[in-house]
Amino acid sequence: MKIVSTVFCLTLVFLNTFAGMGLAEEKIRLCNGEWPPYFSQNLPHFGVGSRIVSEAFALEGITVEYGFFPWKRALILAQSGDWDGVVGYESNPEREEYFFASNPVWKAPWVFFHLKRRPLFWQKLEDLAPYRLGGTLAYMYTPEFLAAEKAGKIQIERVPSDEQNFKKLVSDRIDCFPQLLDVGYFQLRKLFDPPVVQAITHHPQSLGFHREHLLLNKTNKRNVRLLEAFNRGLLRLQESGKYDHYFMELRENMSQSSPPKPWD
């Protein structure tokens, strides 16, 4: 009887071990970068965008490992297959040659920031011709905006960084500057004291939208399955109400005059 009991116990140990192996969470490795408040190595949950991606995968039993790189390098590493994919990018025909694109993770409006004492009036891009527009090098903003710039319908003074543009705006060297709504207010509150931030607003009319996608490379065969899992998890996260809550929490932080506080 002792022999039978011992064999039975050993059998249970092996079964539990293999069952545990079968239930172990799968891991996906994604390239990430610095683009607060959506993505940052220095923010809780690595930013609200990283949090959404991580939790959508977690709902499907998949753990995310992030590596933080300069954005251009992140795209190259993801495309080559060294990493499974990359966050922080829009989908376009050029990228779709190498990547599978998820359902839209979110969309964010491009808006013009300006000083409250210098109102901005525009309905179509041509209306912006009299204004001194700031821009950041290598940013397309929207296809229509870039086309208007190339056609000479609007004049844009481009500089290397968003921060430089906001400093030019505050010093009255440009009239307005396009930036994503959440990113703009995060940058303003990081750069300036509350009285300066309160002197700046944004025009309610949107220039267009940035549509965020998760991009998984076509090199790794399992990525078709992982993308389907992510899309399912994203829908579940949205239906749970947590998705909207995270963005509401973010924008409540953006409305405060004190420095950004962590969101948990």
Protein backbone atom coordinates (compact mmCIF):
# COMPACT_ATOMS: atom_id res chain seq x y z
CA MET A 1 0.00 0.00 0.00
CA LYS A 2 2.87 2.37 0.81
CA ILE A 3 4.35 1.76 -2.66
CA VAL A 4 1.01 2.47 -4.36
CA SER A 5 0.54 5.60 -2.25
CA THR A 6 4.04 6.84 -3.10
CA VAL A 7 3.51 6.24 -6.82
CA PHE A 8 0.17 8.03 -6.63
CA CYS A 9 1.73 11.05 -4.92
CA LEU A 10 4.56 11.19 -7.44
CA THR A 11 2.03 11.03 -10.25
CA LEU A 12 0.15 13.99 -8.77
CA VAL A 13 3.39 15.95 -8.49
CA PHE A 14 4.21 15.35 -12.17
CA LEU A 15 0.66 16.18 -13.27
CA ASN A 16 0.65 19.40 -11.27
CA THR A 17 4.04 20.34 -12.65
CA PHE A 18 2.98 19.85 -16.26
CA ALA A 19 -0.34 21.55 -15.63
CA GLY A 20 1.52 24.52 -14.18
CA MET A 21 3.76 24.61 -17.23
CA GLY A 22 0.72 24.60 -19.47
CA LEU A 23 -0.84 27.47 -17.55
CA ALA A 24 2.32 29.59 -17.45
CA GLU A 25 1.77 33.01 -18.92
CA GLU A 26 3.12 33.66 -22.38
CA LYS A 27 5.46 36.63 -22.81
CA ILE A 28 5.70 39.23 -25.55
CA ARG A 29 8.61 41.65 -25.91
CA LEU A 30 7.75 45.15 -27.13
CA CYS A 31 9.89 48.17 -27.95
CA ASN A 32 8.92 51.36 -26.19
CA GLY A 33 10.24 54.91 -25.88
CA GLU A 34 9.88 58.30 -24.25
CA TRP A 35 6.64 60.06 -25.15
CA PRO A 36 4.94 61.08 -21.90
CA PRO A 37 2.28 60.89 -20.72
CA TYR A 38 1.55 57.94 -23.02
CA PHE A 39 4.91 56.18 -22.81
CA SER A 40 7.84 56.71 -20.47
CA GLN A 41 10.30 54.63 -18.48
CA ASN A 42 9.94 57.19 -15.67
CA LEU A 43 6.15 57.12 -15.20
CA PRO A 44 3.97 54.73 -13.18
CA HIS A 45 3.01 51.74 -15.36
CA PHE A 46 5.41 53.22 -17.97
CA GLY A 47 2.69 55.71 -18.93
CA VAL A 48 -1.02 55.35 -19.65
CA GLY A 49 -0.41 53.91 -23.13
CA SER A 50 1.90 51.19 -21.84
CA ARG A 51 -0.60 50.41 -19.10
CA ILE A 52 -3.41 49.87 -21.59
CA VAL A 53 -1.26 47.62 -23.78
CA SER A 54 -0.05 45.60 -20.77
CA GLU A 55 -3.51 45.16 -19.27
CA ALA A 56 -5.11 44.22 -22.59
CA PHE A 57 -2.55 41.45 -23.01
CA ALA A 58 -2.85 40.41 -19.34
CA LEU A 59 -6.56 39.77 -19.82
CA GLU A 60 -5.52 37.15 -22.38
CA GLY A 61 -2.85 35.61 -20.14
CA ILE A 62 0.11 37.31 -21.83
CA THR A 63 2.85 39.24 -20.00
CA VAL A 64 4.52 42.22 -21.65
CA GLU A 65 8.24 42.97 -21.37
CA TYR A 66 9.20 46.48 -22.49
CA GLY A 67 12.55 47.67 -23.78
CA PHE A 68 13.07 51.43 -24.00
CA PHE A 69 14.96 52.84 -26.99
CA PRO A 70 15.07 55.97 -29.16
CA TRP A 71 11.95 55.74 -31.34
CA LYS A 72 13.72 55.19 -34.66
CA ARG A 73 15.79 52.38 -33.20
CA ALA A 74 12.69 50.90 -31.56
CA LEU A 75 11.00 50.61 -34.95
CA ILE A 76 14.09 49.01 -36.52
CA LEU A 77 14.49 46.46 -33.69
CA ALA A 78 10.82 45.54 -33.91
CA GLN A 79 10.91 45.25 -37.70
CA SER A 80 14.01 43.03 -37.65
CA GLY A 81 12.40 40.48 -35.33
CA ASP A 82 14.79 41.09 -32.43
CA TRP A 83 11.69 42.23 -30.55
CA ASP A 84 8.10 41.19 -31.24
CA GLY A 85 6.72 44.64 -31.93
CA VAL A 86 6.54 48.29 -30.99
CA VAL A 87 4.09 50.68 -29.33
CA GLY A 88 3.73 54.38 -30.02
CA TYR A 89 3.21 54.39 -33.79
CA GLU A 90 0.44 54.96 -36.27
CA SER A 91 -0.16 52.43 -39.01
CA ASN A 92 0.52 53.37 -42.64
CA PRO A 93 1.09 51.45 -45.91
CA GLU A 94 4.87 51.56 -45.51
CA ARG A 95 4.78 50.07 -42.00
CA GLU A 96 2.10 47.54 -42.93
CA GLU A 97 4.62 45.98 -45.32
CA TYR A 98 6.52 44.72 -42.27
CA PHE A 99 4.00 44.84 -39.42
CA PHE A 100 0.55 43.60 -38.45
CA ALA A 101 -1.42 46.51 -37.00
CA SER A 102 -3.84 46.14 -34.10
CA ASN A 103 -7.23 47.73 -33.81
CA PRO A 104 -6.82 51.41 -32.82
CA VAL A 105 -5.65 51.58 -29.22
CA TRP A 106 -6.85 55.20 -28.98
CA LYS A 107 -7.00 58.39 -30.99
CA ALA A 108 -5.76 61.78 -29.79
CA PRO A 109 -6.50 65.20 -31.33
CA TRP A 110 -3.85 67.53 -32.73
CA VAL A 111 -4.69 71.03 -31.52
CA PHE A 112 -3.07 74.46 -31.74
CA PHE A 113 -1.75 75.87 -28.47
CA HIS A 114 -1.64 79.65 -28.17
CA LEU A 115 -1.49 82.44 -25.60
CA LYS A 116 -4.90 83.37 -24.22
CA ARG A 117 -4.18 87.02 -24.91
CA ARG A 118 -3.57 86.20 -28.58
CA PRO A 119 -6.75 84.44 -29.80
CA LEU A 120 -6.51 82.18 -32.82
CA PHE A 121 -9.19 82.21 -35.52
CA TRP A 122 -9.24 79.48 -38.13
CA GLN A 123 -11.59 77.04 -39.85
CA LYS A 124 -9.45 75.79 -42.74
CA LEU A 125 -5.68 75.54 -43.04
CA GLU A 126 -5.44 78.51 -45.39
CA ASP A 127 -6.78 80.69 -42.55
CA LEU A 128 -3.51 80.09 -40.73
CA ALA A 129 -1.44 81.91 -43.36
CA PRO A 130 -1.18 85.21 -41.39
CA TYR A 131 0.03 83.43 -38.24
CA ARG A 132 3.56 82.54 -37.16
CA LEU A 133 3.33 78.77 -36.78
CA GLY A 134 5.82 76.67 -34.83
CA GLY A 135 6.59 73.06 -35.67
CA THR A 136 8.93 70.26 -34.65
CA LEU A 137 11.36 68.77 -37.13
CA ALA A 138 10.33 65.40 -38.66
CA TYR A 139 6.72 65.73 -37.44
CA MET A 140 4.15 65.25 -40.17
CA TYR A 141 1.20 66.15 -37.88
CA THR A 142 -1.41 65.30 -40.54
CA PRO A 143 -1.10 64.67 -44.29
CA GLU A 144 -3.18 67.77 -44.98
CA PHE A 145 -1.02 69.95 -42.74
CA LEU A 146 2.19 68.70 -44.38
CA ALA A 147 0.75 69.24 -47.87
CA ALA A 148 -0.26 72.82 -47.00
CA GLU A 149 3.25 73.48 -45.71
CA LYS A 150 4.90 72.05 -48.85
CA ALA A 151 2.56 74.05 -51.08
CA GLY A 152 3.50 77.26 -49.27
CA LYS A 153 -0.05 77.89 -48.05
CA ILE A 154 1.23 78.15 -44.47
CA GLN A 155 4.65 79.10 -43.12
CA ILE A 156 6.10 76.98 -40.31
CA GLU A 157 9.23 77.67 -38.28
CA ARG A 158 10.46 74.20 -37.38
CA VAL A 159 12.87 73.54 -34.50
CA PRO A 160 14.33 70.30 -33.06
CA SER A 161 11.99 69.87 -30.07
CA ASP A 162 8.48 70.48 -28.75
CA GLU A 163 9.97 72.15 -25.68
CA GLN A 164 11.67 74.78 -27.86
CA ASN A 165 8.36 75.52 -29.54
CA PHE A 166 6.57 76.07 -26.25
CA LYS A 167 9.36 78.39 -25.07
CA LYS A 168 9.02 80.35 -28.33
CA LEU A 169 5.26 80.52 -27.79
CA VAL A 170 5.67 81.88 -24.26
CA SER A 171 8.24 84.45 -25.42
CA ASP A 172 5.86 85.59 -28.19
CA ARG A 173 8.14 84.48 -31.05
CA ILE A 174 5.41 82.31 -32.61
CA ASP A 175 1.62 82.64 -32.50
CA CYS A 176 0.63 78.99 -32.23
CA PHE A 177 2.05 75.47 -32.12
CA PRO A 178 0.34 72.14 -33.00
CA GLN A 179 0.62 69.35 -30.47
CA LEU A 180 -1.41 66.39 -29.24
CA LEU A 181 -3.77 67.61 -26.54
CA ASP A 182 -2.61 65.42 -23.64
CA VAL A 183 1.06 65.61 -24.60
CA GLY A 184 0.92 69.39 -24.86
CA TYR A 185 -0.50 69.97 -21.40
CA PHE A 186 1.90 67.45 -19.89
CA GLN A 187 4.85 69.25 -21.49
CA LEU A 188 3.60 72.68 -20.43
CA ARG A 189 3.24 71.65 -16.81
CA LYS A 190 6.70 70.12 -16.88
CA LEU A 191 8.32 73.20 -18.42
CA PHE A 192 6.64 76.15 -16.72
CA ASP A 193 5.27 77.38 -13.41
CA PRO A 194 1.45 77.42 -12.97
CA PRO A 195 0.97 81.13 -13.86
CA VAL A 196 2.65 80.59 -17.24
CA VAL A 197 0.68 77.41 -17.91
CA GLN A 198 -2.56 79.22 -17.09
CA ALA A 199 -1.71 81.89 -19.68
CA ILE A 200 -1.83 79.26 -22.45
CA THR A 201 -4.81 77.48 -23.96
CA HIS A 202 -5.65 75.44 -27.05
CA HIS A 203 -8.03 76.12 -29.91
CA PRO A 204 -11.08 73.82 -29.68
CA GLN A 205 -10.96 72.90 -33.37
CA SER A 206 -8.90 69.79 -34.04
CA LEU A 207 -6.30 69.77 -36.78
CA GLY A 208 -6.72 66.00 -37.08
CA PHE A 209 -6.05 62.89 -35.04
CA HIS A 210 -3.16 60.64 -34.14
CA ARG A 211 -4.44 57.06 -34.19
CA GLU A 212 -2.36 54.78 -32.01
CA HIS A 213 -1.77 51.14 -32.99
CA LEU A 214 0.25 48.26 -31.64
CA LEU A 215 2.55 47.01 -34.41
CA LEU A 216 3.73 43.37 -34.36
CA ASN A 217 6.27 42.28 -36.95
CA LYS A 218 5.49 39.73 -39.65
CA THR A 219 8.79 37.90 -38.97
CA ASN A 220 7.58 36.09 -35.84
CA LYS A 221 4.92 33.56 -36.84
CA ARG A 222 3.06 33.64 -33.52
CA ASN A 223 2.35 37.36 -33.88
CA VAL A 224 -0.87 36.77 -35.82
CA ARG A 225 -2.23 34.90 -32.81
CA LEU A 226 -0.84 37.45 -30.34
CA LEU A 227 -2.42 40.33 -32.24
CA GLU A 228 -5.80 38.61 -32.17
CA ALA A 229 -5.38 38.10 -28.42
CA PHE A 230 -4.49 41.76 -27.94
CA ASN A 231 -7.54 42.94 -29.87
CA ARG A 232 -9.75 40.72 -27.69
CA GLY A 233 -8.10 41.97 -24.51
CA LEU A 234 -8.39 45.60 -25.60
CA LEU A 235 -12.13 45.18 -26.20
CA ARG A 236 -12.54 43.55 -22.79
CA LEU A 237 -10.62 46.40 -21.15
CA GLN A 238 -12.82 48.97 -22.90
CA GLU A 239 -16.02 47.17 -21.94
CA SER A 240 -14.89 46.93 -18.31
CA GLY A 241 -14.80 50.72 -17.96
CA LYS A 242 -11.14 50.74 -16.89
CA TYR A 243 -10.00 52.05 -20.27
CA ASP A 244 -12.10 55.22 -19.99
CA HIS A 245 -11.18 55.59 -16.33
CA TYR A 246 -7.44 55.68 -17.09
CA PHE A 247 -7.88 58.50 -19.61
CA MET A 248 -10.25 60.40 -17.31
CA GLU A 249 -7.65 60.13 -14.56
CA LEU A 250 -4.95 61.35 -16.89
CA ARG A 251 -6.94 64.39 -18.00
CA GLU A 252 -7.89 65.26 -14.43
CA ASN A 253 -4.17 65.40 -13.71
CA MET A 254 -3.66 67.60 -16.76
CA SER A 255 -6.25 70.08 -15.44
CA GLN A 256 -4.40 70.64 -12.18
CA SER A 257 -1.99 73.54 -11.79
CA SER A 258 0.42 71.51 -9.65
CA PRO A 259 3.02 69.13 -11.18
CA PRO A 260 1.66 65.87 -12.61
CA LYS A 261 0.83 63.29 -9.95
CA PRO A 262 1.14 59.51 -10.46
CA TRP A 263 -1.98 57.57 -11.42
CA ASP A 264 -2.44 54.10 -9.95
